[in-house]
């Protein structure tokens, strides 16, 4: 989809649709309405391990949201985004709004809910997203870190918060903007402490971000490729240098 946006080559969009159509037909478990944990090439090997329900699949709705915005085809919204958003609330959010996810990484499930709210207008999606943001802000340490430690999750949380601020402005929803902005800044400042800034230490690691060895803390043992990539997306957007549409409900109209 990104290649199509930047090149206009329709083959890229066609291939995105082919994948989405396959996903909706085969990769969603009809017993639960939720995507399989994984999908083997040999479909005769589809077993209980594939049928586990991972919260990370909720972020897949964001792909379908982007595809809907690019093509205008309602099936990606009605058969993709909406049922996945509804099942995310059913399986991973408690009736009081508390999320069962205790880590800082929801793999863009919250942003997918924002997309559902933006297009469908159902307040339950916004309320769940706001509850998730409150959960994230409550877990922030004094140094700005979000625990359990996952630098990729830190960037996901910041991108989520930026989207919430922008969507609230678009919809005329009142938020505690100074508090959320402080949350973003403190998290961003902490994330920068995990960047390798010494080019002489290891040129292959220079500029990268240390992080996820386990999920309980941050350790300078491994460069975390996902966090390093997310950092580029977040920082370009945060600095206002460029409008980056990735992992966002904006920029796909």
Protein backbone atom coordinates (compact mmCIF):
# COMPACT_ATOMS: atom_id res chain seq x y z
CA UNK A 1 0.00 0.00 0.00
CA UNK A 2 2.84 2.37 0.80
CA UNK A 3 4.54 1.60 -2.50
CA UNK A 4 1.27 2.28 -4.30
CA UNK A 5 0.90 5.62 -2.52
CA UNK A 6 4.35 6.75 -3.57
CA UNK A 7 4.57 5.27 -7.06
CA UNK A 8 0.98 5.07 -8.28
CA UNK A 9 1.73 1.57 -9.61
CA UNK A 10 -1.62 -0.24 -9.35
CA UNK A 11 0.03 -3.64 -9.14
CA UNK A 12 1.04 -2.90 -5.55
CA UNK A 13 -2.53 -2.06 -4.60
CA UNK A 14 -3.81 -5.15 -6.39
CA UNK A 15 -1.46 -7.33 -4.38
CA UNK A 16 -2.57 -5.70 -1.13
CA UNK A 17 -6.17 -6.48 -2.02
CA UNK A 18 -5.31 -10.07 -2.93
CA UNK A 19 -3.79 -10.52 0.51
CA UNK A 20 -6.70 -8.82 2.28
CA UNK A 21 -9.23 -10.97 0.45
CA UNK A 22 -7.30 -14.11 1.36
CA UNK A 23 -7.02 -12.95 4.96
CA UNK A 24 -10.74 -12.33 5.39
CA UNK A 25 -11.68 -15.64 3.75
CA UNK A 26 -9.15 -18.00 5.31
CA UNK A 27 -7.15 -16.43 8.14
CA UNK A 28 -10.06 -15.64 10.46
CA UNK A 29 -11.25 -18.51 12.63
CA UNK A 30 -15.02 -18.88 12.00
CA UNK A 31 -15.44 -20.30 15.50
CA UNK A 32 -14.32 -17.09 17.18
CA UNK A 33 -14.37 -14.40 14.51
CA UNK A 34 -10.74 -13.70 15.43
CA UNK A 35 -7.64 -14.30 13.27
CA UNK A 36 -5.63 -17.44 13.83
CA UNK A 37 -2.45 -17.09 15.85
CA UNK A 38 -0.54 -18.29 12.80
CA UNK A 39 -1.39 -19.94 9.50
CA UNK A 40 0.69 -22.83 8.12
CA UNK A 41 1.44 -23.19 4.43
CA UNK A 42 0.08 -26.71 4.70
CA UNK A 43 -3.49 -26.03 5.84
CA UNK A 44 -3.96 -29.66 6.86
CA UNK A 45 -1.68 -28.83 9.77
CA UNK A 46 -4.03 -26.19 11.20
CA UNK A 47 -4.21 -27.26 14.85
CA UNK A 48 -4.90 -25.90 18.32
CA UNK A 49 -1.60 -24.01 18.41
CA UNK A 50 -2.74 -22.00 15.39
CA UNK A 51 -6.10 -21.30 17.04
CA UNK A 52 -4.68 -19.49 20.06
CA UNK A 53 -6.00 -15.93 20.24
CA UNK A 54 -3.30 -13.26 20.30
CA UNK A 55 -4.21 -9.65 21.05
CA UNK A 56 -1.59 -8.60 18.48
CA UNK A 57 -3.97 -9.63 15.71
CA UNK A 58 -6.12 -6.60 16.54
CA UNK A 59 -3.58 -4.38 14.85
CA UNK A 60 -4.32 -6.17 11.59
CA UNK A 61 -7.51 -4.13 11.39
CA UNK A 62 -5.33 -1.08 10.73
CA UNK A 63 -4.11 -2.63 7.47
CA UNK A 64 -7.72 -3.18 6.42
CA UNK A 65 -8.59 0.38 7.44
CA UNK A 66 -5.81 1.77 5.26
CA UNK A 67 -6.94 -0.42 2.36
CA UNK A 68 -10.50 0.82 2.77
CA UNK A 69 -9.31 4.43 2.69
CA UNK A 70 -7.28 3.80 -0.47
CA UNK A 71 -9.92 1.85 -2.39
CA UNK A 72 -13.22 3.07 -0.92
CA UNK A 73 -14.40 -0.56 -0.84
CA UNK A 74 -16.76 -0.98 2.11
CA UNK A 75 -16.06 -4.68 2.50
CA UNK A 76 -12.71 -3.91 4.08
CA UNK A 77 -14.46 -1.73 6.64
CA UNK A 78 -17.63 -3.77 7.20
CA UNK A 79 -16.11 -7.27 6.97
CA UNK A 80 -12.66 -6.38 8.30
CA UNK A 81 -12.27 -3.36 10.53
CA UNK A 82 -15.63 -3.49 12.30
CA UNK A 83 -15.73 -7.19 13.29
CA UNK A 84 -12.09 -7.12 14.38
CA UNK A 85 -12.67 -3.99 16.47
CA UNK A 86 -15.75 -5.58 18.04
CA UNK A 87 -13.93 -8.83 18.82
CA UNK A 88 -10.98 -6.88 20.26
CA UNK A 89 -13.36 -5.30 22.76
CA UNK A 90 -15.06 -8.63 23.45
CA UNK A 91 -11.95 -10.70 24.05
CA UNK A 92 -9.35 -8.28 25.38
CA UNK A 93 -11.20 -5.43 27.12
CA UNK A 94 -13.18 -6.01 30.31
CA UNK A 95 -16.68 -4.55 30.79
CA UNK A 96 -15.29 -1.80 33.04
CA UNK A 97 -12.97 -0.70 30.22
CA UNK A 98 -9.82 -2.23 31.72
CA UNK A 99 -7.59 -3.89 29.15
CA UNK A 100 -6.33 -7.42 29.76
CA UNK A 101 -3.07 -6.39 28.10
CA UNK A 102 -0.65 -5.39 30.86
CA UNK A 103 2.42 -4.63 28.70
CA UNK A 104 3.14 -1.39 26.86
CA UNK A 105 2.77 -2.99 23.43
CA UNK A 106 -0.65 -3.65 21.91
CA UNK A 107 0.66 -3.94 18.34
CA UNK A 108 -1.49 -1.05 17.10
CA UNK A 109 -4.79 -2.48 18.30
CA UNK A 110 -5.69 0.84 19.90
CA UNK A 111 -4.98 2.78 16.71
CA UNK A 112 -7.18 0.30 14.84
CA UNK A 113 -9.97 1.15 17.30
CA UNK A 114 -9.44 4.84 16.54
CA UNK A 115 -9.90 4.07 12.86
CA UNK A 116 -13.12 2.20 13.63
CA UNK A 117 -14.36 5.16 15.67
CA UNK A 118 -13.40 7.67 12.99
CA UNK A 119 -15.35 5.83 10.30
CA UNK A 120 -18.23 4.29 12.24
CA UNK A 121 -18.74 6.85 15.02
CA UNK A 122 -19.44 4.31 17.77
CA UNK A 123 -18.35 5.74 21.11
CA UNK A 124 -17.40 2.33 22.50
CA UNK A 125 -14.31 2.31 20.30
CA UNK A 126 -13.18 5.73 21.51
CA UNK A 127 -13.89 4.86 25.15
CA UNK A 128 -11.78 1.70 24.91
CA UNK A 129 -8.93 3.60 23.28
CA UNK A 130 -9.04 6.28 25.98
CA UNK A 131 -9.00 3.59 28.67
CA UNK A 132 -5.92 2.08 27.06
CA UNK A 133 -4.16 5.44 27.00
CA UNK A 134 -4.95 5.92 30.69
CA UNK A 135 -3.47 2.48 31.37
CA UNK A 136 -0.29 3.43 29.53
CA UNK A 137 0.07 6.75 31.35
CA UNK A 138 -0.43 5.00 34.69
CA UNK A 139 2.43 2.56 34.03
CA UNK A 140 4.97 5.29 33.18
CA UNK A 141 7.94 5.44 35.53
CA UNK A 142 9.60 8.59 36.79
CA UNK A 143 12.31 8.27 34.13
CA UNK A 144 9.65 8.19 31.42
CA UNK A 145 9.91 4.48 30.64
CA UNK A 146 6.87 2.28 30.18
CA UNK A 147 7.10 -1.09 31.88
CA UNK A 148 7.26 -3.98 31.23
CA UNK A 149 10.15 -2.86 29.06
CA UNK A 150 9.79 -2.96 25.29
CA UNK A 151 11.19 -0.10 23.27
CA UNK A 152 9.00 -1.02 20.31
CA UNK A 153 6.03 -0.73 22.64
CA UNK A 154 7.19 2.71 23.78
CA UNK A 155 7.00 3.99 20.21
CA UNK A 156 3.66 2.31 19.60
CA UNK A 157 2.31 4.04 22.71
CA UNK A 158 3.57 7.42 21.56
CA UNK A 159 2.13 7.00 18.07
CA UNK A 160 -1.18 6.00 19.66
CA UNK A 161 -1.19 9.11 21.83
CA UNK A 162 -0.41 11.37 18.86
CA UNK A 163 -3.29 9.85 16.91
CA UNK A 164 -5.65 10.35 19.85
CA UNK A 165 -4.74 14.02 20.12
CA UNK A 166 -5.28 14.54 16.40
CA UNK A 167 -8.55 12.60 16.30
CA UNK A 168 -9.90 14.43 19.35
CA UNK A 169 -9.18 17.72 17.59
CA UNK A 170 -10.91 16.52 14.42
CA UNK A 171 -13.99 15.28 16.31
CA UNK A 172 -14.16 18.14 18.80
CA UNK A 173 -13.50 15.87 21.79
CA UNK A 174 -12.00 17.43 24.90
CA UNK A 175 -8.83 15.78 26.18
CA UNK A 176 -6.23 16.73 28.77
CA UNK A 177 -3.80 17.71 26.02
CA UNK A 178 -1.01 19.02 28.30
CA UNK A 179 -0.99 15.78 30.31
CA UNK A 180 -0.89 13.59 27.22
CA UNK A 181 1.77 15.77 25.59
CA UNK A 182 3.90 15.46 28.72
CA UNK A 183 3.47 11.69 28.62
CA UNK A 184 4.69 11.61 25.01
CA UNK A 185 7.68 13.88 25.70
CA UNK A 186 8.81 11.94 28.77
CA UNK A 187 8.52 8.63 26.94
CA UNK A 188 10.40 10.03 23.95
CA UNK A 189 13.17 11.41 26.17
CA UNK A 190 13.60 8.01 27.81
CA UNK A 191 13.68 6.17 24.48
CA UNK A 192 16.56 8.36 23.33
CA UNK A 193 18.65 7.16 26.29
CA UNK A 194 18.60 3.70 24.71
CA UNK A 195 20.11 4.83 21.41
CA UNK A 196 23.66 3.88 20.48
CA UNK A 197 25.41 7.21 19.83
CA UNK A 198 29.04 6.11 19.66
CA UNK A 199 30.01 5.35 16.03
CA UNK A 200 33.33 3.93 17.17
CA UNK A 201 31.75 1.28 19.35
CA UNK A 202 30.06 -0.65 16.60
CA UNK A 203 29.31 1.05 13.30
CA UNK A 204 26.56 -1.47 12.54
CA UNK A 205 24.80 -0.54 15.78
CA UNK A 206 25.29 3.23 15.53
CA UNK A 207 21.95 5.02 15.71
CA UNK A 208 20.07 1.88 16.66
CA UNK A 209 18.05 1.33 19.82
CA UNK A 210 18.73 -1.18 22.55
CA UNK A 211 15.85 -2.90 24.23
CA UNK A 212 13.70 -5.94 24.19
CA UNK A 213 15.71 -8.83 25.54
CA UNK A 214 12.91 -9.85 27.86
CA UNK A 215 9.73 -7.95 28.59
CA UNK A 216 10.57 -6.96 32.15
CA UNK A 217 13.28 -4.36 31.67
CA UNK A 218 15.48 -2.48 29.21
CA UNK A 219 19.02 -3.76 28.71
CA UNK A 220 21.78 -2.56 26.43
CA UNK A 221 22.49 -6.01 25.02
CA UNK A 222 20.78 -6.18 21.64
CA UNK A 223 19.83 -3.61 19.07
CA UNK A 224 16.09 -3.90 18.61
CA UNK A 225 15.36 -3.57 14.89
CA UNK A 226 11.64 -2.97 15.34
CA UNK A 227 12.18 -0.16 17.83
CA UNK A 228 14.83 1.44 15.63
CA UNK A 229 12.39 1.46 12.70
CA UNK A 230 9.49 2.75 14.78
CA UNK A 231 11.74 5.51 16.11
CA UNK A 232 12.19 6.91 12.60
CA UNK A 233 8.43 6.93 12.03
CA UNK A 234 7.66 8.51 15.39
CA UNK A 235 10.42 11.13 15.43
CA UNK A 236 9.69 12.37 11.91
CA UNK A 237 6.07 12.83 12.91
CA UNK A 238 6.82 14.27 16.35
CA UNK A 239 9.24 16.84 14.98
CA UNK A 240 6.74 17.82 12.29
CA UNK A 241 9.34 17.37 9.56
CA UNK A 242 7.06 15.15 7.50
CA UNK A 243 3.52 13.84 7.77
CA UNK A 244 4.08 10.12 8.22
CA UNK A 245 0.92 8.02 7.69
CA UNK A 246 2.30 4.72 8.90
CA UNK A 247 0.64 3.29 12.01
CA UNK A 248 -1.89 6.09 11.95
CA UNK A 249 -5.51 6.61 10.95
CA UNK A 250 -4.49 9.83 9.20
CA UNK A 251 -2.86 10.43 5.84
CA UNK A 252 -4.73 7.75 3.90
CA UNK A 253 -7.67 9.78 2.62
